[in-house]
């Protein structure tokens, strides 16, 4: 095969060099040059910088106000520290101490006991939502009345209920006297202090749960109820087979958020029972952590309790998410 000479001034780049002729007398084929990348405009570069700025602000906020305090608390939980002086590393001594601390066990039991108000509040709020979903006069007024405690100050509500639970002249005991019942000193008795706080927390959050349930019920297609009625289903069967499954996402949301909020009860305890109640019967774990950190100046031990509490809340929340995913899959 004859060799085709190439001019000296021909391009030496392999990408743009002509392809050799396959046989004598044939014309060499020019190889197409690669497409040029479009130049980015100044507007594109500006949009990119603005986008990075918007993304960077929450990332910096997360690193500064979430990740760093978390890592610092994790290290502080392994030290002996009063919050002001130097830290003395002690390893896992705080966690070992926590395992045998009766006050911690009592505070954790009280916190879990107070969460009994979660199912009570969900049931009452669902009943109220069903009642207020009816077409009758005055529903808007009652919705507003039930929602007022939600937007009210928690401190003011705790003070109001503290007076209502007073054993001598409280409103609740006065109401019980009308029916011939001698009411106890609610907040000074270890057997009644936790039920009293449960009553207050249920009353406080009733309007919020009721509003969410009401929105979920009103979003259920009316055709489902009409079809069930034509098939002969009564009111209870329609509620069990249509309403409950349709409001399940709201129930899951309320359960998760209520557990997270119930594990952080503090203001109610600090105002209504500032000493933790009789025999420490109303002290919650967050209140005990606060007292350990700021009254006893043991920041390291308080940080260890906070880490354990955070892990427990995370595990319980993960279990709820897993159970909800399984139930959703089984329904589908």
Protein backbone atom coordinates (compact mmCIF):
# COMPACT_ATOMS: atom_id res chain seq x y z
CA UNK A 1 0.00 0.00 0.00
CA UNK A 2 1.40 3.35 -1.00
CA UNK A 3 2.25 5.88 1.58
CA UNK A 4 0.42 9.24 1.35
CA UNK A 5 2.77 12.09 2.29
CA UNK A 6 1.58 14.67 4.71
CA UNK A 7 2.52 18.33 4.47
CA UNK A 8 4.86 19.78 7.04
CA UNK A 9 2.36 22.39 8.14
CA UNK A 10 -0.39 19.82 8.74
CA UNK A 11 -1.76 19.67 12.29
CA UNK A 12 0.07 17.20 14.46
CA UNK A 13 -2.83 16.68 16.87
CA UNK A 14 -4.14 13.15 16.52
CA UNK A 15 -7.71 14.26 17.08
CA UNK A 16 -7.66 16.67 14.11
CA UNK A 17 -5.24 14.77 11.80
CA UNK A 18 -6.70 13.48 8.51
CA UNK A 19 -7.38 9.78 8.16
CA UNK A 20 -5.05 8.03 5.66
CA UNK A 21 -6.56 6.91 2.36
CA UNK A 22 -7.45 3.22 2.39
CA UNK A 23 -6.09 2.58 -1.15
CA UNK A 24 -4.08 4.47 -3.81
CA UNK A 25 -5.98 7.25 -5.50
CA UNK A 26 -8.50 7.70 -2.69
CA UNK A 27 -9.00 11.05 -0.99
CA UNK A 28 -8.03 11.39 2.66
CA UNK A 29 -11.00 11.98 4.96
CA UNK A 30 -10.86 14.82 7.45
CA UNK A 31 -11.68 13.68 11.02
CA UNK A 32 -14.34 15.93 12.62
CA UNK A 33 -12.99 18.07 15.42
CA UNK A 34 -14.50 17.55 18.91
CA UNK A 35 -17.30 19.96 19.84
CA UNK A 36 -16.19 22.93 21.84
CA UNK A 37 -17.54 23.33 25.39
CA UNK A 38 -19.88 26.27 25.68
CA UNK A 39 -18.42 29.05 27.75
CA UNK A 40 -20.27 29.67 30.98
CA UNK A 41 -21.78 33.07 31.19
CA UNK A 42 -21.37 35.46 34.07
CA UNK A 43 -25.01 34.89 35.01
CA UNK A 44 -24.36 31.18 35.38
CA UNK A 45 -21.37 31.80 37.64
CA UNK A 46 -23.37 34.25 39.72
CA UNK A 47 -26.25 31.80 40.12
CA UNK A 48 -23.80 29.15 41.22
CA UNK A 49 -22.29 31.41 43.87
CA UNK A 50 -25.75 32.38 45.15
CA UNK A 51 -26.77 28.71 45.25
CA UNK A 52 -23.67 27.80 47.25
CA UNK A 53 -24.44 30.66 49.62
CA UNK A 54 -27.96 29.40 50.25
CA UNK A 55 -26.70 25.87 50.80
CA UNK A 56 -23.78 26.98 52.94
CA UNK A 57 -25.83 28.94 55.48
CA UNK A 58 -27.82 25.94 56.84
CA UNK A 59 -24.70 23.76 56.71
CA UNK A 60 -22.76 26.27 58.80
CA UNK A 61 -25.72 26.53 61.17
CA UNK A 62 -25.85 22.75 61.53
CA UNK A 63 -22.12 22.48 62.18
CA UNK A 64 -22.14 25.37 64.67
CA UNK A 65 -25.35 24.81 66.60
CA UNK A 66 -25.93 21.05 66.28
CA UNK A 67 -22.89 18.96 65.43
CA UNK A 68 -20.35 20.87 67.52
CA UNK A 69 -22.55 20.97 70.68
CA UNK A 70 -23.27 17.27 70.23
CA UNK A 71 -19.60 16.33 69.96
CA UNK A 72 -18.75 18.65 72.85
CA UNK A 73 -21.46 17.09 75.03
CA UNK A 74 -20.18 13.63 74.14
CA UNK A 75 -16.70 14.58 75.29
CA UNK A 76 -18.01 16.40 78.37
CA UNK A 77 -19.95 13.28 79.38
CA UNK A 78 -16.59 11.56 79.89
CA UNK A 79 -15.20 14.26 82.16
CA UNK A 80 -15.58 15.67 85.63
CA UNK A 81 -16.50 19.30 84.98
CA UNK A 82 -18.35 21.99 86.90
CA UNK A 83 -19.00 24.15 83.86
CA UNK A 84 -16.35 26.76 84.66
CA UNK A 85 -13.08 25.11 85.62
CA UNK A 86 -10.89 22.74 83.63
CA UNK A 87 -12.21 19.37 82.49
CA UNK A 88 -10.79 16.18 84.01
CA UNK A 89 -11.19 13.15 81.80
CA UNK A 90 -12.77 10.21 83.64
CA UNK A 91 -13.74 7.85 80.84
CA UNK A 92 -17.03 6.02 81.32
CA UNK A 93 -17.28 6.71 85.06
CA UNK A 94 -20.37 8.90 84.61
CA UNK A 95 -22.17 6.17 82.69
CA UNK A 96 -21.27 3.58 85.32
CA UNK A 97 -22.51 5.93 88.02
CA UNK A 98 -25.76 6.44 86.15
CA UNK A 99 -26.49 2.70 86.13
CA UNK A 100 -26.68 2.65 89.93
CA UNK A 101 -28.23 6.08 90.55
CA UNK A 102 -31.71 5.66 92.08
CA UNK A 103 -32.64 9.26 91.31
CA UNK A 104 -32.01 8.66 87.61
CA UNK A 105 -34.14 5.51 87.69
CA UNK A 106 -36.96 7.37 89.45
CA UNK A 107 -36.81 10.26 87.00
CA UNK A 108 -36.90 7.90 84.01
CA UNK A 109 -39.89 6.04 85.49
CA UNK A 110 -41.73 9.30 86.08
CA UNK A 111 -41.03 10.41 82.51
CA UNK A 112 -42.39 7.16 81.05
CA UNK A 113 -45.40 7.27 83.40
CA UNK A 114 -46.31 10.77 82.25
CA UNK A 115 -46.35 9.48 78.66
CA UNK A 116 -49.52 7.56 79.53
CA UNK A 117 -51.25 10.81 78.67
CA UNK A 118 -50.28 10.35 75.00
CA UNK A 119 -52.90 7.67 74.14
CA UNK A 120 -55.47 9.42 76.33
CA UNK A 121 -54.92 12.68 74.49
CA UNK A 122 -55.04 11.01 71.06
CA UNK A 123 -58.34 9.28 71.81
CA UNK A 124 -59.95 12.44 73.19
CA UNK A 125 -58.71 14.58 70.32
CA UNK A 126 -60.04 12.09 67.75
CA UNK A 127 -63.45 12.05 69.46
CA UNK A 128 -63.50 15.85 69.48
CA UNK A 129 -62.49 15.98 65.81
CA UNK A 130 -65.34 13.64 64.90
CA UNK A 131 -67.79 15.75 66.90
CA UNK A 132 -66.63 19.06 65.41
CA UNK A 133 -66.69 17.63 61.90
CA UNK A 134 -70.48 17.64 61.97
CA UNK A 135 -72.37 20.40 60.24
CA UNK A 136 -73.89 22.34 63.11
CA UNK A 137 -73.78 25.83 64.49
CA UNK A 138 -70.96 26.84 66.84
CA UNK A 139 -68.27 24.48 65.57
CA UNK A 140 -65.92 27.35 64.70
CA UNK A 141 -66.28 28.77 68.20
CA UNK A 142 -65.47 25.45 69.86
CA UNK A 143 -62.52 24.85 67.57
CA UNK A 144 -61.11 28.21 68.64
CA UNK A 145 -61.75 27.51 72.32
CA UNK A 146 -59.97 24.15 72.19
CA UNK A 147 -57.00 25.65 70.33
CA UNK A 148 -56.43 28.60 72.68
CA UNK A 149 -54.34 26.53 75.19
CA UNK A 150 -52.00 25.50 72.36
CA UNK A 151 -50.96 29.07 71.63
CA UNK A 152 -50.93 30.13 75.28
CA UNK A 153 -47.79 30.39 77.38
CA UNK A 154 -46.87 27.08 78.97
CA UNK A 155 -45.60 28.85 82.09
CA UNK A 156 -48.90 30.72 82.50
CA UNK A 157 -50.87 27.50 82.04
CA UNK A 158 -48.71 25.69 84.60
CA UNK A 159 -49.32 28.47 87.15
CA UNK A 160 -53.07 28.37 86.45
CA UNK A 161 -53.24 24.60 86.98
CA UNK A 162 -51.08 24.88 90.07
CA UNK A 163 -53.80 27.04 91.61
CA UNK A 164 -56.52 24.73 90.29
CA UNK A 165 -54.87 21.74 91.99
CA UNK A 166 -54.50 23.53 95.32
CA UNK A 167 -55.72 21.25 98.09
CA UNK A 168 -57.44 23.97 100.16
CA UNK A 169 -59.17 26.32 97.72
CA UNK A 170 -58.41 24.87 94.27
CA UNK A 171 -61.10 24.88 91.62
CA UNK A 172 -60.97 21.12 91.11
CA UNK A 173 -61.54 20.29 94.79
CA UNK A 174 -64.35 22.84 94.94
CA UNK A 175 -66.03 21.08 92.02
CA UNK A 176 -65.57 17.72 93.76
CA UNK A 177 -67.10 19.13 96.95
CA UNK A 178 -70.31 19.83 95.03
CA UNK A 179 -70.80 16.08 94.56
CA UNK A 180 -69.67 15.17 98.08
CA UNK A 181 -66.10 14.10 97.28
CA UNK A 182 -63.20 15.26 99.42
CA UNK A 183 -60.42 16.07 96.97
CA UNK A 184 -56.77 15.38 97.81
CA UNK A 185 -53.89 17.82 97.85
CA UNK A 186 -53.01 16.93 94.30
CA UNK A 187 -49.46 18.25 93.97
CA UNK A 188 -48.39 17.35 97.52
CA UNK A 189 -49.36 13.67 97.36
CA UNK A 190 -47.07 11.19 95.60
CA UNK A 191 -50.07 9.16 94.45
CA UNK A 192 -51.87 12.03 92.74
CA UNK A 193 -49.11 14.36 91.52
CA UNK A 194 -48.41 12.41 88.31
CA UNK A 195 -52.10 12.02 87.34
CA UNK A 196 -52.53 15.76 87.96
CA UNK A 197 -49.67 16.62 85.59
CA UNK A 198 -51.07 14.19 83.01
CA UNK A 199 -54.42 15.99 83.16
CA UNK A 200 -52.72 19.32 82.54
CA UNK A 201 -50.56 18.08 79.62
CA UNK A 202 -53.53 16.37 77.94
CA UNK A 203 -55.59 19.55 78.24
CA UNK A 204 -52.73 21.64 76.86
CA UNK A 205 -52.18 19.59 73.71
CA UNK A 206 -55.76 18.59 72.99
CA UNK A 207 -56.46 21.39 70.53
CA UNK A 208 -53.38 20.73 68.40
CA UNK A 209 -54.11 17.02 67.96
CA UNK A 210 -57.80 17.74 67.41
CA UNK A 211 -57.03 20.20 64.61
CA UNK A 212 -54.77 17.75 62.79
CA UNK A 213 -57.32 14.95 63.10
CA UNK A 214 -60.06 17.28 61.88
CA UNK A 215 -58.04 18.17 58.77
CA UNK A 216 -57.37 14.48 58.08
CA UNK A 217 -61.04 13.53 58.48
CA UNK A 218 -62.20 16.30 56.18
CA UNK A 219 -59.77 15.14 53.48
CA UNK A 220 -61.36 11.66 53.32
CA UNK A 221 -63.40 11.35 50.09
CA UNK A 222 -67.12 11.29 50.79
CA UNK A 223 -67.55 8.61 48.13
CA UNK A 224 -65.90 6.07 50.42
CA UNK A 225 -68.52 6.62 53.12
CA UNK A 226 -71.32 6.57 50.56
CA UNK A 227 -70.13 3.28 49.08
CA UNK A 228 -69.81 1.73 52.53
CA UNK A 229 -73.31 2.89 53.47
CA UNK A 230 -74.72 1.33 50.29
CA UNK A 231 -73.02 -1.93 51.24
CA UNK A 232 -74.82 -1.86 54.58
CA UNK A 233 -71.95 -0.76 56.85
CA UNK A 234 -73.04 0.96 60.05
CA UNK A 235 -71.37 4.01 61.60
CA UNK A 236 -68.89 2.01 63.69
CA UNK A 237 -67.87 -0.13 60.73
CA UNK A 238 -67.32 2.95 58.58
CA UNK A 239 -65.22 4.48 61.36
CA UNK A 240 -63.11 1.34 61.80
CA UNK A 241 -62.63 0.54 58.11
CA UNK A 242 -62.40 4.03 56.59
CA UNK A 243 -61.70 6.76 59.12
CA UNK A 244 -59.03 5.04 61.19
CA UNK A 245 -56.91 3.88 58.21
CA UNK A 246 -57.19 7.29 56.55
CA UNK A 247 -55.99 9.18 59.66
CA UNK A 248 -53.15 6.73 60.35
CA UNK A 249 -50.42 9.09 59.05
CA UNK A 250 -51.64 11.80 61.45
CA UNK A 251 -51.67 9.30 64.31
CA UNK A 252 -48.10 8.24 63.50
CA UNK A 253 -46.94 11.86 63.38
CA UNK A 254 -48.62 12.68 66.69
CA UNK A 255 -47.24 9.59 68.41
CA UNK A 256 -43.66 10.32 67.34
CA UNK A 257 -43.77 14.03 68.20
CA UNK A 258 -45.57 13.35 71.49
CA UNK A 259 -42.92 10.84 72.56
CA UNK A 260 -40.15 13.29 71.72
CA UNK A 261 -41.95 16.10 73.55
CA UNK A 262 -42.93 13.87 76.47
CA UNK A 263 -39.30 12.95 77.08
CA UNK A 264 -38.46 16.66 77.48
CA UNK A 265 -41.07 17.72 80.04
CA UNK A 266 -39.49 20.42 82.20
CA UNK A 267 -41.47 23.67 82.59
CA UNK A 268 -44.52 21.99 84.11
CA UNK A 269 -42.43 20.23 86.72
CA UNK A 270 -40.26 23.23 87.53
CA UNK A 271 -43.30 25.45 88.15
CA UNK A 272 -45.91 23.11 89.63
CA UNK A 273 -43.51 21.01 91.74
CA UNK A 274 -40.23 22.95 91.98
CA UNK A 275 -38.67 20.40 94.35
CA UNK A 276 -39.51 17.38 92.22
CA UNK A 277 -42.67 16.55 94.13
CA UNK A 278 -43.05 14.47 97.30
CA UNK A 279 -40.39 11.76 97.39
CA UNK A 280 -39.18 12.83 93.94
CA UNK A 281 -42.44 11.49 92.50
CA UNK A 282 -42.84 14.12 89.77
CA UNK A 283 -39.22 14.71 88.72
CA UNK A 284 -38.65 14.01 85.05
CA UNK A 285 -35.31 13.13 83.52
CA UNK A 286 -34.86 16.53 81.86
CA UNK A 287 -35.67 18.30 85.12
CA UNK A 288 -33.18 16.04 86.92
CA UNK A 289 -30.53 16.79 84.27
CA UNK A 290 -31.10 20.52 84.70
CA UNK A 291 -30.87 20.25 88.48
CA UNK A 292 -27.69 18.19 88.28
CA UNK A 293 -26.05 20.63 85.90
CA UNK A 294 -27.00 23.98 87.44
CA UNK A 295 -27.76 23.22 91.09
CA UNK A 296 -25.07 20.64 91.77
CA UNK A 297 -22.60 22.01 89.15
CA UNK A 298 -21.92 18.56 87.70
CA UNK A 299 -21.95 19.27 83.99
CA UNK A 300 -20.15 16.08 83.05
CA UNK A 301 -22.70 13.82 84.73
CA UNK A 302 -25.56 15.87 83.29
CA UNK A 303 -24.07 15.55 79.81
CA UNK A 304 -23.86 11.77 80.21
CA UNK A 305 -27.56 11.62 81.15
CA UNK A 306 -28.39 13.82 78.14
CA UNK A 307 -26.51 11.50 75.77
CA UNK A 308 -28.35 8.45 77.12
CA UNK A 309 -31.69 10.22 76.88
CA UNK A 310 -30.99 11.23 73.29
CA UNK A 311 -30.07 7.65 72.35
CA UNK A 312 -33.25 6.29 73.95
CA UNK A 313 -35.43 8.80 72.10
CA UNK A 314 -33.65 7.95 68.85
CA UNK A 315 -34.20 4.21 69.34
CA UNK A 316 -37.88 4.61 70.22
CA UNK A 317 -38.43 6.91 67.22
CA UNK A 318 -36.65 4.47 64.88
CA UNK A 319 -38.85 1.64 66.15
CA UNK A 320 -41.97 3.71 65.49
CA UNK A 321 -40.82 4.45 61.94
CA UNK A 322 -40.10 0.77 61.31
CA UNK A 323 -43.48 -0.32 62.67
CA UNK A 324 -45.24 2.30 60.58
CA UNK A 325 -43.42 1.14 57.44
CA UNK A 326 -44.37 -2.49 58.09
CA UNK A 327 -48.03 -1.65 58.72
CA UNK A 328 -48.16 0.46 55.56
CA UNK A 329 -46.62 -2.34 53.53
CA UNK A 330 -49.05 -4.91 54.94
CA UNK A 331 -52.01 -2.66 54.11
CA UNK A 332 -50.80 -2.20 50.54
